[in-house]
Amino acid sequence: MPAGILASGFIEEVRRRDFIVTWQLVAKVPLFARLSAARIASIAGLLRFERVEAGELIVRKGEAADCMYFVLSGEIEVSTGGGAVHLGAGDYFGEAGLLERSTRNADVRARTECTLLVLMERDFWMLLEAQPELGAEVRANMERRRPPAVAAPARAGEA
């Protein structure tokens, strides 16, 4: 019986420590930095860790968009038709497919070993419903990163 009690207490202590570490990491994400401690705690419960190796493909263009990612460490390369964009700690990606309810619009690969936080689609929508200002900030950031539209070339005889 005492061994069971000790094991149970140890497991609970590990959970508490993991929660505190996760909370601290979420609080460092610029998108969440202005939120209250209680709100960050609720978000921390929605996110899961993912480690990826250098060179690993994280997102493939054309796949169903089912989550978004927050970069905790490492470097990410987003390859679009218009070139490559590099992301690092504090950045996020994958929100466009969720917001537009579409497929992925780019390939995303880890340039270095990376630690990511993953927010699943269902939790993404719950979060934006509870925190509309986050939704506005995510949308605005998505629009800033979107390449400018290219005008179609004029046909002969048109100005």
Protein backbone atom coordinates (compact mmCIF):
# COMPACT_ATOMS: atom_id res chain seq x y z
CA MET A 1 0.00 0.00 0.00
CA PRO A 2 2.68 2.64 0.83
CA ALA A 3 4.38 2.01 -2.55
CA GLY A 4 1.08 2.80 -4.32
CA ILE A 5 0.68 6.02 -2.37
CA LEU A 6 4.26 7.06 -3.16
CA ALA A 7 3.83 6.23 -6.86
CA SER A 8 0.57 8.17 -7.02
CA GLY A 9 2.16 11.19 -5.33
CA PHE A 10 5.16 11.01 -7.67
CA ILE A 11 2.95 10.89 -10.76
CA GLU A 12 0.95 13.89 -9.52
CA GLU A 13 4.14 15.86 -8.88
CA VAL A 14 5.43 15.09 -12.40
CA ARG A 15 2.10 16.28 -13.87
CA ARG A 16 2.33 19.52 -11.91
CA ARG A 17 5.91 20.10 -13.03
CA ASP A 18 5.01 19.37 -16.67
CA PHE A 19 2.07 21.78 -16.45
CA ILE A 20 4.27 24.55 -15.04
CA VAL A 21 6.85 24.03 -17.79
CA THR A 22 4.12 24.05 -20.47
CA TRP A 23 2.54 27.17 -18.95
CA GLN A 24 5.89 28.98 -19.04
CA LEU A 25 6.44 28.01 -22.68
CA VAL A 26 2.94 29.13 -23.71
CA ALA A 27 3.41 32.44 -21.87
CA LYS A 28 6.52 33.10 -24.02
CA VAL A 29 4.57 32.81 -27.28
CA PRO A 30 4.04 36.44 -28.34
CA LEU A 31 0.44 35.76 -29.41
CA PHE A 32 -0.43 34.69 -25.84
CA ALA A 33 1.93 36.93 -23.84
CA ARG A 34 -0.71 39.56 -22.99
CA LEU A 35 -3.25 37.06 -21.66
CA SER A 36 -3.99 36.47 -17.99
CA ALA A 37 -2.31 33.61 -16.15
CA ALA A 38 -5.64 31.76 -15.96
CA ARG A 39 -6.18 32.09 -19.72
CA ILE A 40 -2.65 30.89 -20.46
CA ALA A 41 -3.30 27.92 -18.17
CA SER A 42 -6.41 26.98 -20.14
CA ILE A 43 -4.52 27.28 -23.44
CA ALA A 44 -1.62 25.21 -22.10
CA GLY A 45 -4.09 22.38 -21.55
CA LEU A 46 -5.05 22.44 -25.25
CA LEU A 47 -1.54 22.24 -26.71
CA ARG A 48 0.66 19.20 -27.24
CA PHE A 49 4.42 19.05 -27.78
CA GLU A 50 5.97 17.79 -30.97
CA ARG A 51 9.68 17.43 -31.67
CA VAL A 52 10.85 17.27 -35.28
CA GLU A 53 14.25 16.50 -36.72
CA ALA A 54 16.17 18.76 -39.11
CA GLY A 55 14.92 18.23 -42.67
CA GLU A 56 11.61 16.67 -41.59
CA LEU A 57 8.53 17.71 -43.56
CA ILE A 58 5.95 19.00 -41.09
CA VAL A 59 3.20 20.13 -43.48
CA ARG A 60 2.66 19.17 -47.12
CA LYS A 61 0.95 21.55 -49.53
CA GLY A 62 -2.53 20.27 -50.42
CA GLU A 63 -3.05 18.25 -47.23
CA ALA A 64 -6.11 18.85 -45.08
CA ALA A 65 -5.52 21.60 -42.52
CA ASP A 66 -6.26 20.06 -39.13
CA CYS A 67 -4.03 22.05 -36.74
CA MET A 68 -1.69 24.98 -36.34
CA TYR A 69 1.82 25.06 -34.94
CA PHE A 70 3.76 27.36 -32.60
CA VAL A 71 7.56 27.31 -32.85
CA LEU A 72 9.22 27.05 -29.44
CA SER A 73 12.73 26.43 -30.73
CA GLY A 74 14.52 25.79 -33.99
CA GLU A 75 14.11 27.11 -37.52
CA ILE A 76 11.29 26.40 -39.95
CA GLU A 77 11.15 26.97 -43.71
CA VAL A 78 7.80 27.66 -45.35
CA SER A 79 8.00 27.07 -49.12
CA THR A 80 5.35 28.79 -51.18
CA GLY A 81 5.14 29.36 -54.90
CA GLY A 82 6.68 32.79 -54.30
CA GLY A 83 9.77 31.60 -52.44
CA ALA A 84 10.70 30.56 -48.93
CA VAL A 85 9.98 32.24 -45.59
CA HIS A 86 11.95 31.36 -42.46
CA LEU A 87 10.31 31.20 -39.05
CA GLY A 88 11.78 30.82 -35.57
CA ALA A 89 10.89 30.79 -31.90
CA GLY A 90 7.68 32.72 -31.20
CA ASP A 91 6.33 32.36 -34.75
CA TYR A 92 3.41 30.20 -35.78
CA PHE A 93 2.11 28.63 -38.97
CA GLY A 94 -0.79 26.56 -40.24
CA GLU A 95 -3.48 29.05 -39.29
CA ALA A 96 -4.40 29.99 -42.87
CA GLY A 97 -5.82 26.56 -43.70
CA LEU A 98 -7.88 26.60 -40.51
CA LEU A 99 -9.19 30.14 -40.93
CA GLU A 100 -10.03 29.58 -44.58
CA ARG A 101 -11.25 26.01 -43.98
CA SER A 102 -9.05 24.85 -46.83
CA THR A 103 -6.03 22.70 -47.52
CA ARG A 104 -2.43 23.60 -46.72
CA ASN A 105 -1.03 26.30 -49.02
CA ALA A 106 2.69 25.54 -48.53
CA ASP A 107 5.23 22.88 -47.67
CA VAL A 108 6.75 23.42 -44.23
CA ARG A 109 10.05 21.78 -43.30
CA ALA A 110 12.25 21.92 -40.21
CA ARG A 111 15.60 23.53 -41.06
CA THR A 112 16.98 22.50 -37.67
CA GLU A 113 15.74 20.27 -34.87
CA CYS A 114 12.57 21.97 -33.61
CA THR A 115 10.21 21.90 -30.69
CA LEU A 116 6.64 22.83 -31.58
CA LEU A 117 3.35 23.23 -29.80
CA VAL A 118 0.37 21.91 -31.76
CA LEU A 119 -3.18 23.26 -31.51
CA MET A 120 -5.80 20.98 -33.07
CA GLU A 121 -8.56 22.47 -35.24
CA ARG A 122 -11.42 21.91 -32.77
CA ASP A 123 -9.41 23.59 -29.99
CA PHE A 124 -8.39 26.41 -32.36
CA TRP A 125 -12.04 27.33 -32.96
CA MET A 126 -12.90 27.04 -29.25
CA LEU A 127 -9.99 29.33 -28.43
CA LEU A 128 -10.99 31.95 -31.00
CA GLU A 129 -14.57 31.86 -29.77
CA ALA A 130 -13.42 32.45 -26.19
CA GLN A 131 -10.76 35.02 -27.18
CA PRO A 132 -11.99 36.98 -30.25
CA GLU A 133 -9.04 39.38 -30.01
CA LEU A 134 -6.69 36.45 -30.63
CA GLY A 135 -8.65 35.60 -33.77
CA ALA A 136 -8.31 39.17 -35.02
CA GLU A 137 -4.56 39.13 -34.35
CA VAL A 138 -4.10 35.75 -36.08
CA ARG A 139 -6.08 36.94 -39.12
CA ALA A 140 -4.13 40.20 -39.32
CA ASN A 141 -0.81 38.33 -39.12
CA MET A 142 -1.96 35.93 -41.83
CA GLU A 143 -2.80 38.85 -44.12
CA ARG A 144 0.57 40.54 -43.46
CA ARG A 145 2.40 37.35 -44.45
CA ARG A 146 0.30 36.73 -47.56
CA PRO A 147 2.19 37.64 -50.73
CA PRO A 148 0.71 40.55 -52.69
CA ALA A 149 -1.59 39.59 -55.55
CA VAL A 150 0.12 39.61 -58.93
CA ALA A 151 -1.73 41.53 -61.61
CA ALA A 152 -2.47 39.61 -64.80
CA PRO A 153 -0.39 40.80 -67.77
CA ALA A 154 -2.22 43.12 -70.14
CA ARG A 155 -3.23 41.67 -73.52
CA ALA A 156 -2.25 43.31 -76.76
CA GLY A 157 -4.32 46.40 -77.35
CA GLU A 158 -5.23 46.81 -73.65
CA ALA A 159 -3.74 49.40 -71.34
